Amino acid sequence: MTLTDVLVALAIAVGLVGIVVPVLPGTLLIAAAVVVWAFVVGGSTAWTVTGIALGLLAVGTITMYAVPGRRLRVHGVPGRTLVVGGIAGVVGFFVIPVIGLLVGFVLGVYAAESARLGPGQAWPSTKQALLAAGLSMLIELIAAMLATVTWVVGVVLT
């Protein structure tokens, strides 16, 4: 392994952590690291591996929005509820470091659904929003792991 391989591996690892702990743009960091690796290594194998990895990341990104969004529509949770939850999550991140993102998201979704449906009906919608957020994160993580495995195969082949 070269120094480039080690640095790219570290960037990919940070990107994977960034997916689970949404502080860093994980998918974007992984994509950038793989592209940098292809530029440094060069050759058709490196660029083919990069194309496959970027394709996997793109499919994962599209799927991570489409599948949970469809699930939320089926359960009647409007998009504006998620927007309120997202804004509250960002605010929560700065108010309560690390866990504030999750706490703010939950409270924001609950508040939006409580205003829309009433407090008694808000919790089932909030649970669906949390499940959708978890599913989205899982889809993104699977795509990133597949891209990482693709890159590792590329390192072995080059």
N, C-alpha and C. Protein backbone atom coordinates (compact mmCIF):
# COMPACT_ATOMS: atom_id res chain seq x y z
N MET A 1 0.84 -1.19 0.00
CA MET A 1 0.00 0.00 0.00
C MET A 1 0.88 1.25 0.00
N THR A 2 0.46 2.20 -0.78
CA THR A 2 1.20 3.46 -0.85
C THR A 2 0.62 4.45 0.17
N LEU A 3 1.30 5.56 0.31
CA LEU A 3 0.81 6.62 1.19
C LEU A 3 -0.54 7.13 0.71
N THR A 4 -0.70 7.22 -0.59
CA THR A 4 -1.99 7.64 -1.15
C THR A 4 -3.10 6.70 -0.73
N ASP A 5 -2.84 5.40 -0.81
CA ASP A 5 -3.84 4.41 -0.41
C ASP A 5 -4.23 4.58 1.06
N VAL A 6 -3.24 4.81 1.89
CA VAL A 6 -3.51 4.97 3.32
C VAL A 6 -4.32 6.23 3.58
N LEU A 7 -3.94 7.33 2.95
CA LEU A 7 -4.68 8.59 3.15
C LEU A 7 -6.11 8.51 2.62
N VAL A 8 -6.27 7.85 1.49
CA VAL A 8 -7.62 7.68 0.94
C VAL A 8 -8.43 6.76 1.85
N ALA A 9 -7.81 5.71 2.36
CA ALA A 9 -8.51 4.82 3.29
C ALA A 9 -8.97 5.58 4.54
N LEU A 10 -8.12 6.46 5.04
CA LEU A 10 -8.51 7.27 6.21
C LEU A 10 -9.67 8.21 5.87
N ALA A 11 -9.62 8.83 4.70
CA ALA A 11 -10.71 9.71 4.28
C ALA A 11 -12.01 8.93 4.12
N ILE A 12 -11.93 7.73 3.58
CA ILE A 12 -13.12 6.89 3.43
C ILE A 12 -13.66 6.50 4.80
N ALA A 13 -12.77 6.15 5.73
CA ALA A 13 -13.21 5.80 7.08
C ALA A 13 -13.92 6.98 7.75
N VAL A 14 -13.36 8.17 7.59
CA VAL A 14 -14.01 9.36 8.15
C VAL A 14 -15.37 9.58 7.48
N GLY A 15 -15.44 9.33 6.17
CA GLY A 15 -16.71 9.45 5.45
C GLY A 15 -17.75 8.46 5.96
N LEU A 16 -17.34 7.23 6.24
CA LEU A 16 -18.26 6.23 6.78
C LEU A 16 -18.77 6.65 8.15
N VAL A 17 -17.89 7.18 8.97
CA VAL A 17 -18.31 7.69 10.28
C VAL A 17 -19.26 8.88 10.09
N GLY A 18 -18.98 9.71 9.09
CA GLY A 18 -19.83 10.86 8.81
C GLY A 18 -21.24 10.49 8.39
N ILE A 19 -21.42 9.30 7.86
CA ILE A 19 -22.76 8.84 7.52
C ILE A 19 -23.54 8.48 8.78
N VAL A 20 -22.87 7.81 9.70
CA VAL A 20 -23.53 7.39 10.94
C VAL A 20 -23.70 8.55 11.90
N VAL A 21 -22.70 9.41 12.00
CA VAL A 21 -22.76 10.60 12.84
C VAL A 21 -22.81 11.78 11.87
N PRO A 22 -24.02 12.24 11.54
CA PRO A 22 -24.16 13.20 10.44
C PRO A 22 -23.60 14.59 10.74
N VAL A 23 -22.30 14.65 10.89
CA VAL A 23 -21.62 15.92 11.09
C VAL A 23 -20.84 16.26 9.82
N LEU A 24 -20.30 15.23 9.20
CA LEU A 24 -19.53 15.39 7.97
C LEU A 24 -20.36 14.87 6.78
N PRO A 25 -20.14 15.41 5.61
CA PRO A 25 -20.83 14.88 4.42
C PRO A 25 -20.16 13.57 3.98
N GLY A 26 -20.58 12.46 4.56
CA GLY A 26 -19.91 11.18 4.37
C GLY A 26 -19.80 10.72 2.94
N THR A 27 -20.91 10.69 2.22
CA THR A 27 -20.89 10.21 0.84
C THR A 27 -20.01 11.10 -0.03
N LEU A 28 -20.11 12.38 0.16
CA LEU A 28 -19.31 13.32 -0.63
C LEU A 28 -17.82 13.14 -0.34
N LEU A 29 -17.47 12.92 0.90
CA LEU A 29 -16.07 12.71 1.28
C LEU A 29 -15.53 11.42 0.66
N ILE A 30 -16.33 10.38 0.68
CA ILE A 30 -15.91 9.11 0.08
C ILE A 30 -15.72 9.27 -1.43
N ALA A 31 -16.67 9.93 -2.07
CA ALA A 31 -16.56 10.16 -3.52
C ALA A 31 -15.31 10.96 -3.86
N ALA A 32 -15.06 12.02 -3.12
CA ALA A 32 -13.88 12.85 -3.37
C ALA A 32 -12.60 12.05 -3.17
N ALA A 33 -12.55 11.23 -2.11
CA ALA A 33 -11.36 10.44 -1.84
C ALA A 33 -11.08 9.45 -2.97
N VAL A 34 -12.11 8.81 -3.47
CA VAL A 34 -11.93 7.83 -4.54
C VAL A 34 -11.48 8.52 -5.84
N VAL A 35 -12.03 9.70 -6.11
CA VAL A 35 -11.62 10.44 -7.31
C VAL A 35 -10.16 10.88 -7.19
N VAL A 36 -9.76 11.37 -6.02
CA VAL A 36 -8.36 11.75 -5.81
C VAL A 36 -7.45 10.54 -6.01
N TRP A 37 -7.88 9.40 -5.48
CA TRP A 37 -7.09 8.17 -5.65
C TRP A 37 -6.92 7.85 -7.15
N ALA A 38 -7.99 7.97 -7.92
CA ALA A 38 -7.92 7.67 -9.35
C ALA A 38 -6.98 8.63 -10.07
N PHE A 39 -7.01 9.92 -9.68
CA PHE A 39 -6.09 10.89 -10.29
C PHE A 39 -4.64 10.53 -9.99
N VAL A 40 -4.37 10.15 -8.74
CA VAL A 40 -2.99 9.85 -8.35
C VAL A 40 -2.52 8.54 -8.97
N VAL A 41 -3.34 7.52 -8.91
CA VAL A 41 -2.94 6.20 -9.41
C VAL A 41 -2.96 6.18 -10.94
N GLY A 42 -4.04 6.73 -11.51
CA GLY A 42 -4.16 6.77 -12.96
C GLY A 42 -4.41 5.39 -13.55
N GLY A 43 -4.67 5.37 -14.82
CA GLY A 43 -4.89 4.10 -15.51
C GLY A 43 -6.36 3.73 -15.62
N SER A 44 -6.63 2.84 -16.55
CA SER A 44 -8.02 2.47 -16.82
C SER A 44 -8.66 1.71 -15.67
N THR A 45 -7.88 0.89 -14.97
CA THR A 45 -8.44 0.15 -13.84
C THR A 45 -8.90 1.09 -12.74
N ALA A 46 -8.07 2.06 -12.40
CA ALA A 46 -8.41 3.01 -11.34
C ALA A 46 -9.66 3.81 -11.71
N TRP A 47 -9.75 4.23 -12.96
CA TRP A 47 -10.91 5.03 -13.38
C TRP A 47 -12.16 4.17 -13.50
N THR A 48 -12.01 2.91 -13.88
CA THR A 48 -13.17 2.02 -13.92
C THR A 48 -13.70 1.78 -12.52
N VAL A 49 -12.80 1.52 -11.59
CA VAL A 49 -13.18 1.33 -10.19
C VAL A 49 -13.86 2.59 -9.66
N THR A 50 -13.31 3.74 -9.98
CA THR A 50 -13.89 5.00 -9.53
C THR A 50 -15.28 5.19 -10.11
N GLY A 51 -15.45 4.89 -11.38
CA GLY A 51 -16.77 5.00 -11.99
C GLY A 51 -17.80 4.11 -11.33
N ILE A 52 -17.40 2.88 -11.02
CA ILE A 52 -18.31 1.95 -10.34
C ILE A 52 -18.64 2.46 -8.95
N ALA A 53 -17.62 2.91 -8.20
CA ALA A 53 -17.84 3.41 -6.84
C ALA A 53 -18.76 4.63 -6.86
N LEU A 54 -18.52 5.56 -7.79
CA LEU A 54 -19.37 6.75 -7.88
C LEU A 54 -20.79 6.38 -8.29
N GLY A 55 -20.94 5.39 -9.15
CA GLY A 55 -22.26 4.91 -9.53
C GLY A 55 -23.01 4.34 -8.34
N LEU A 56 -22.31 3.54 -7.54
CA LEU A 56 -22.93 2.98 -6.33
C LEU A 56 -23.35 4.09 -5.37
N LEU A 57 -22.50 5.08 -5.20
CA LEU A 57 -22.83 6.20 -4.31
C LEU A 57 -24.02 6.99 -4.84
N ALA A 58 -24.08 7.18 -6.15
CA ALA A 58 -25.21 7.91 -6.75
C ALA A 58 -26.52 7.16 -6.58
N VAL A 59 -26.49 5.86 -6.84
CA VAL A 59 -27.70 5.04 -6.66
C VAL A 59 -28.12 5.06 -5.19
N GLY A 60 -27.16 4.97 -4.29
CA GLY A 60 -27.47 5.03 -2.86
C GLY A 60 -28.09 6.35 -2.46
N THR A 61 -27.56 7.44 -3.00
CA THR A 61 -28.08 8.76 -2.68
C THR A 61 -29.52 8.93 -3.17
N ILE A 62 -29.78 8.49 -4.38
CA ILE A 62 -31.15 8.58 -4.91
C ILE A 62 -32.09 7.70 -4.10
N THR A 63 -31.66 6.50 -3.81
CA THR A 63 -32.50 5.55 -3.08
C THR A 63 -32.75 6.01 -1.65
N MET A 64 -31.75 6.64 -1.03
CA MET A 64 -31.93 7.04 0.37
C MET A 64 -32.98 8.13 0.54
N TYR A 65 -33.30 8.84 -0.54
CA TYR A 65 -34.38 9.82 -0.48
C TYR A 65 -35.69 9.24 -0.98
N ALA A 66 -35.63 8.42 -2.00
CA ALA A 66 -36.85 7.91 -2.64
C ALA A 66 -37.60 6.91 -1.76
N VAL A 67 -36.89 5.93 -1.23
CA VAL A 67 -37.57 4.87 -0.47
C VAL A 67 -38.19 5.38 0.82
N PRO A 68 -37.44 6.08 1.69
CA PRO A 68 -38.08 6.58 2.91
C PRO A 68 -39.17 7.62 2.62
N GLY A 69 -38.98 8.44 1.58
CA GLY A 69 -39.99 9.44 1.24
C GLY A 69 -41.30 8.79 0.83
N ARG A 70 -41.19 7.75 0.05
CA ARG A 70 -42.39 7.00 -0.36
C ARG A 70 -43.07 6.38 0.85
N ARG A 71 -42.28 5.83 1.74
CA ARG A 71 -42.82 5.21 2.95
C ARG A 71 -43.55 6.24 3.81
N LEU A 72 -42.99 7.44 3.90
CA LEU A 72 -43.64 8.50 4.69
C LEU A 72 -44.95 8.95 4.04
N ARG A 73 -44.96 9.05 2.72
CA ARG A 73 -46.21 9.42 2.03
C ARG A 73 -47.30 8.39 2.27
N VAL A 74 -46.92 7.11 2.27
CA VAL A 74 -47.89 6.05 2.53
C VAL A 74 -48.49 6.21 3.93
N HIS A 75 -47.69 6.63 4.88
CA HIS A 75 -48.16 6.80 6.26
C HIS A 75 -48.73 8.19 6.52
N GLY A 76 -48.77 9.04 5.50
CA GLY A 76 -49.40 10.34 5.63
C GLY A 76 -48.59 11.42 6.32
N VAL A 77 -47.27 11.25 6.38
CA VAL A 77 -46.41 12.26 7.00
C VAL A 77 -45.96 13.23 5.90
N PRO A 78 -46.34 14.51 5.99
CA PRO A 78 -45.98 15.46 4.93
C PRO A 78 -44.50 15.86 4.97
N GLY A 79 -44.02 16.32 3.84
CA GLY A 79 -42.63 16.74 3.73
C GLY A 79 -42.28 17.91 4.63
N ARG A 80 -43.24 18.81 4.85
CA ARG A 80 -42.95 19.97 5.70
C ARG A 80 -42.66 19.56 7.14
N THR A 81 -43.21 18.42 7.57
CA THR A 81 -42.90 17.92 8.90
C THR A 81 -41.42 17.57 9.00
N LEU A 82 -40.89 16.95 7.95
CA LEU A 82 -39.46 16.60 7.95
C LEU A 82 -38.59 17.85 7.87
N VAL A 83 -39.06 18.86 7.16
CA VAL A 83 -38.30 20.12 7.09
C VAL A 83 -38.21 20.73 8.49
N VAL A 84 -39.34 20.76 9.20
CA VAL A 84 -39.34 21.30 10.57
C VAL A 84 -38.41 20.47 11.45
N GLY A 85 -38.49 19.14 11.31
CA GLY A 85 -37.61 18.27 12.08
C GLY A 85 -36.14 18.51 11.76
N GLY A 86 -35.83 18.70 10.48
CA GLY A 86 -34.44 18.97 10.07
C GLY A 86 -33.92 20.27 10.64
N ILE A 87 -34.74 21.31 10.57
CA ILE A 87 -34.33 22.61 11.12
C ILE A 87 -34.13 22.50 12.63
N ALA A 88 -35.07 21.84 13.30
CA ALA A 88 -34.94 21.67 14.75
C ALA A 88 -33.71 20.82 15.08
N GLY A 89 -33.40 19.85 14.22
CA GLY A 89 -32.21 19.03 14.44
C GLY A 89 -30.93 19.84 14.35
N VAL A 90 -30.86 20.75 13.37
CA VAL A 90 -29.68 21.62 13.23
C VAL A 90 -29.55 22.52 14.45
N VAL A 91 -30.65 23.11 14.87
CA VAL A 91 -30.63 23.95 16.07
C VAL A 91 -30.21 23.12 17.28
N GLY A 92 -30.78 21.93 17.40
CA GLY A 92 -30.44 21.05 18.51
C GLY A 92 -28.98 20.66 18.53
N PHE A 93 -28.39 20.51 17.35
CA PHE A 93 -26.98 20.15 17.26
C PHE A 93 -26.10 21.21 17.93
N PHE A 94 -26.48 22.47 17.78
CA PHE A 94 -25.69 23.54 18.38
C PHE A 94 -26.03 23.76 19.85
N VAL A 95 -27.24 23.42 20.24
CA VAL A 95 -27.66 23.60 21.64
C VAL A 95 -27.13 22.46 22.51
N ILE A 96 -27.27 21.24 22.02
CA ILE A 96 -26.79 20.06 22.75
C ILE A 96 -25.80 19.34 21.82
N PRO A 97 -24.51 19.55 21.99
CA PRO A 97 -23.54 18.93 21.08
C PRO A 97 -23.72 17.41 20.98
N VAL A 98 -23.49 16.89 19.83
CA VAL A 98 -23.53 15.48 19.44
C VAL A 98 -24.96 14.93 19.39
N ILE A 99 -25.63 14.78 20.53
CA ILE A 99 -26.96 14.17 20.52
C ILE A 99 -28.08 15.15 20.19
N GLY A 100 -27.76 16.42 20.14
CA GLY A 100 -28.77 17.43 19.88
C GLY A 100 -29.42 17.31 18.52
N LEU A 101 -28.70 16.77 17.56
CA LEU A 101 -29.26 16.57 16.22
C LEU A 101 -30.46 15.63 16.29
N LEU A 102 -30.28 14.51 16.96
CA LEU A 102 -31.36 13.54 17.09
C LEU A 102 -32.49 14.08 17.96
N VAL A 103 -32.14 14.67 19.09
CA VAL A 103 -33.16 15.22 20.00
C VAL A 103 -33.95 16.32 19.31
N GLY A 104 -33.26 17.21 18.62
CA GLY A 104 -33.94 18.29 17.92
C GLY A 104 -34.84 17.78 16.81
N PHE A 105 -34.38 16.77 16.06
CA PHE A 105 -35.18 16.21 14.99
C PHE A 105 -36.47 15.61 15.55
N VAL A 106 -36.35 14.81 16.59
CA VAL A 106 -37.53 14.17 17.19
C VAL A 106 -38.50 15.22 17.72
N LEU A 107 -37.99 16.19 18.46
CA LEU A 107 -38.86 17.23 19.00
C LEU A 107 -39.50 18.07 17.90
N GLY A 108 -38.75 18.37 16.85
CA GLY A 108 -39.29 19.15 15.74
C GLY A 108 -40.39 18.41 15.00
N VAL A 109 -40.16 17.14 14.72
CA VAL A 109 -41.19 16.33 14.04
C VAL A 109 -42.41 16.21 14.93
N TYR A 110 -42.21 15.93 16.21
CA TYR A 110 -43.34 15.80 17.13
C TYR A 110 -44.13 17.11 17.22
N ALA A 111 -43.42 18.23 17.30
CA ALA A 111 -44.10 19.53 17.39
C ALA A 111 -44.90 19.82 16.11
N ALA A 112 -44.32 19.53 14.97
CA ALA A 112 -45.02 19.78 13.70
C ALA A 112 -46.25 18.89 13.57
N GLU A 113 -46.09 17.63 13.91
CA GLU A 113 -47.23 16.71 13.83
C GLU A 113 -48.27 16.99 14.91
N SER A 114 -47.83 17.45 16.05
CA SER A 114 -48.76 17.83 17.12
C SER A 114 -49.60 19.03 16.69
N ALA A 115 -48.98 19.98 16.03
CA ALA A 115 -49.71 21.15 15.54
C ALA A 115 -50.67 20.75 14.42
N ARG A 116 -50.27 19.77 13.61
CA ARG A 116 -51.09 19.35 12.48
C ARG A 116 -52.23 18.42 12.89
N LEU A 117 -51.93 17.45 13.75
CA LEU A 117 -52.89 16.40 14.09
C LEU A 117 -53.41 16.44 15.52
N GLY A 118 -52.70 17.13 16.37
CA GLY A 118 -53.02 17.11 17.80
C GLY A 118 -52.03 16.21 18.52
N PRO A 119 -51.82 16.48 19.81
CA PRO A 119 -50.80 15.73 20.56
C PRO A 119 -51.03 14.22 20.60
N GLY A 120 -52.26 13.79 20.62
CA GLY A 120 -52.54 12.36 20.70
C GLY A 120 -52.17 11.60 19.44
N GLN A 121 -52.19 12.24 18.30
CA GLN A 121 -51.91 11.59 17.03
C GLN A 121 -50.47 11.82 16.55
N ALA A 122 -49.71 12.63 17.26
CA ALA A 122 -48.39 13.03 16.77
C ALA A 122 -47.34 11.92 16.91
N TRP A 123 -47.43 11.10 17.93
CA TRP A 123 -46.37 10.13 18.17
C TRP A 123 -46.26 9.07 17.07
N PRO A 124 -47.36 8.49 16.55
CA PRO A 124 -47.19 7.52 15.46
C PRO A 124 -46.50 8.12 14.23
N SER A 125 -46.81 9.36 13.90
CA SER A 125 -46.13 10.01 12.76
C SER A 125 -44.66 10.24 13.07
N THR A 126 -44.37 10.60 14.31
CA THR A 126 -42.99 10.83 14.72
C THR A 126 -42.19 9.52 14.61
N LYS A 127 -42.78 8.42 15.04
CA LYS A 127 -42.11 7.12 14.92
C LYS A 127 -41.83 6.78 13.46
N GLN A 128 -42.78 7.05 12.58
CA GLN A 128 -42.58 6.77 11.16
C GLN A 128 -41.45 7.63 10.59
N ALA A 129 -41.39 8.89 11.03
CA ALA A 129 -40.31 9.78 10.56
C ALA A 129 -38.95 9.28 11.04
N LEU A 130 -38.89 8.79 12.28
CA LEU A 130 -37.63 8.24 12.80
C LEU A 130 -37.23 6.98 12.05
N LEU A 131 -38.20 6.12 11.79
CA LEU A 131 -37.90 4.91 11.01
C LEU A 131 -37.41 5.27 9.62
N ALA A 132 -38.03 6.26 9.01
CA ALA A 132 -37.61 6.69 7.67
C ALA A 132 -36.19 7.26 7.71
N ALA A 133 -35.88 8.05 8.73
CA ALA A 133 -34.53 8.61 8.85
C ALA A 133 -33.50 7.50 9.06
N GLY A 134 -33.85 6.51 9.87
CA GLY A 134 -32.95 5.37 10.08
C GLY A 134 -32.76 4.55 8.81
N LEU A 135 -33.84 4.34 8.07
CA LEU A 135 -33.76 3.61 6.82
C LEU A 135 -32.89 4.36 5.81
N SER A 136 -33.06 5.66 5.76
CA SER A 136 -32.26 6.49 4.86
C SER A 136 -30.77 6.37 5.19
N MET A 137 -30.45 6.42 6.47
CA MET A 137 -29.05 6.30 6.90
C MET A 137 -28.50 4.91 6.55
N LEU A 138 -29.32 3.88 6.74
CA LEU A 138 -28.89 2.52 6.44
C LEU A 138 -28.61 2.35 4.94
N ILE A 139 -29.49 2.90 4.11
CA ILE A 139 -29.30 2.81 2.66
C ILE A 139 -28.01 3.52 2.25
N GLU A 140 -27.79 4.71 2.80
CA GLU A 140 -26.57 5.46 2.48
C GLU A 140 -25.32 4.70 2.93
N LEU A 141 -25.39 4.10 4.12
CA LEU A 141 -24.25 3.35 4.64
C LEU A 141 -23.96 2.11 3.79
N ILE A 142 -25.00 1.41 3.36
CA ILE A 142 -24.79 0.23 2.52
C ILE A 142 -24.13 0.63 1.19
N ALA A 143 -24.62 1.70 0.58
CA ALA A 143 -24.03 2.17 -0.68
C ALA A 143 -22.57 2.57 -0.47
N ALA A 144 -22.29 3.25 0.63
CA ALA A 144 -20.91 3.66 0.92
C ALA A 144 -20.01 2.46 1.18
N MET A 145 -20.53 1.46 1.85
CA MET A 145 -19.73 0.25 2.10
C MET A 145 -19.45 -0.49 0.79
N LEU A 146 -20.44 -0.55 -0.09
CA LEU A 146 -20.22 -1.19 -1.40
C LEU A 146 -19.18 -0.42 -2.21
N ALA A 147 -19.24 0.91 -2.16
CA ALA A 147 -18.24 1.72 -2.84
C ALA A 147 -16.86 1.51 -2.23
N THR A 148 -16.81 1.36 -0.92
CA THR A 148 -15.53 1.12 -0.23
C THR A 148 -14.95 -0.22 -0.64
N VAL A 149 -15.78 -1.24 -0.68
CA VAL A 149 -15.30 -2.57 -1.11
C VAL A 149 -14.81 -2.50 -2.55
N THR A 150 -15.52 -1.77 -3.39
CA THR A 150 -15.10 -1.60 -4.78
C THR A 150 -13.72 -0.94 -4.84
N TRP A 151 -13.52 0.09 -4.03
CA TRP A 151 -12.22 0.77 -3.99
C TRP A 151 -11.13 -0.19 -3.51
N VAL A 152 -11.42 -0.98 -2.48
CA VAL A 152 -10.41 -1.92 -1.97
C VAL A 152 -10.02 -2.91 -3.07
N VAL A 153 -10.99 -3.40 -3.82
CA VAL A 153 -10.69 -4.29 -4.94
C VAL A 153 -9.80 -3.56 -5.95
N GLY A 154 -10.10 -2.28 -6.19
CA GLY A 154 -9.28 -1.50 -7.09
C GLY A 154 -7.86 -1.33 -6.61
N VAL A 155 -7.69 -1.16 -5.31
CA VAL A 155 -6.33 -1.04 -4.74
C VAL A 155 -5.57 -2.34 -4.96
N VAL A 156 -6.23 -3.44 -4.76
CA VAL A 156 -5.58 -4.74 -4.94
C VAL A 156 -5.21 -4.96 -6.40
N LEU A 157 -6.09 -4.54 -7.33
CA LEU A 157 -5.84 -4.74 -8.75
C LEU A 157 -4.78 -3.80 -9.34
N THR A 158 -4.57 -2.65 -8.72
CA THR A 158 -3.60 -1.70 -9.29
C THR A 158 -2.24 -1.85 -8.66
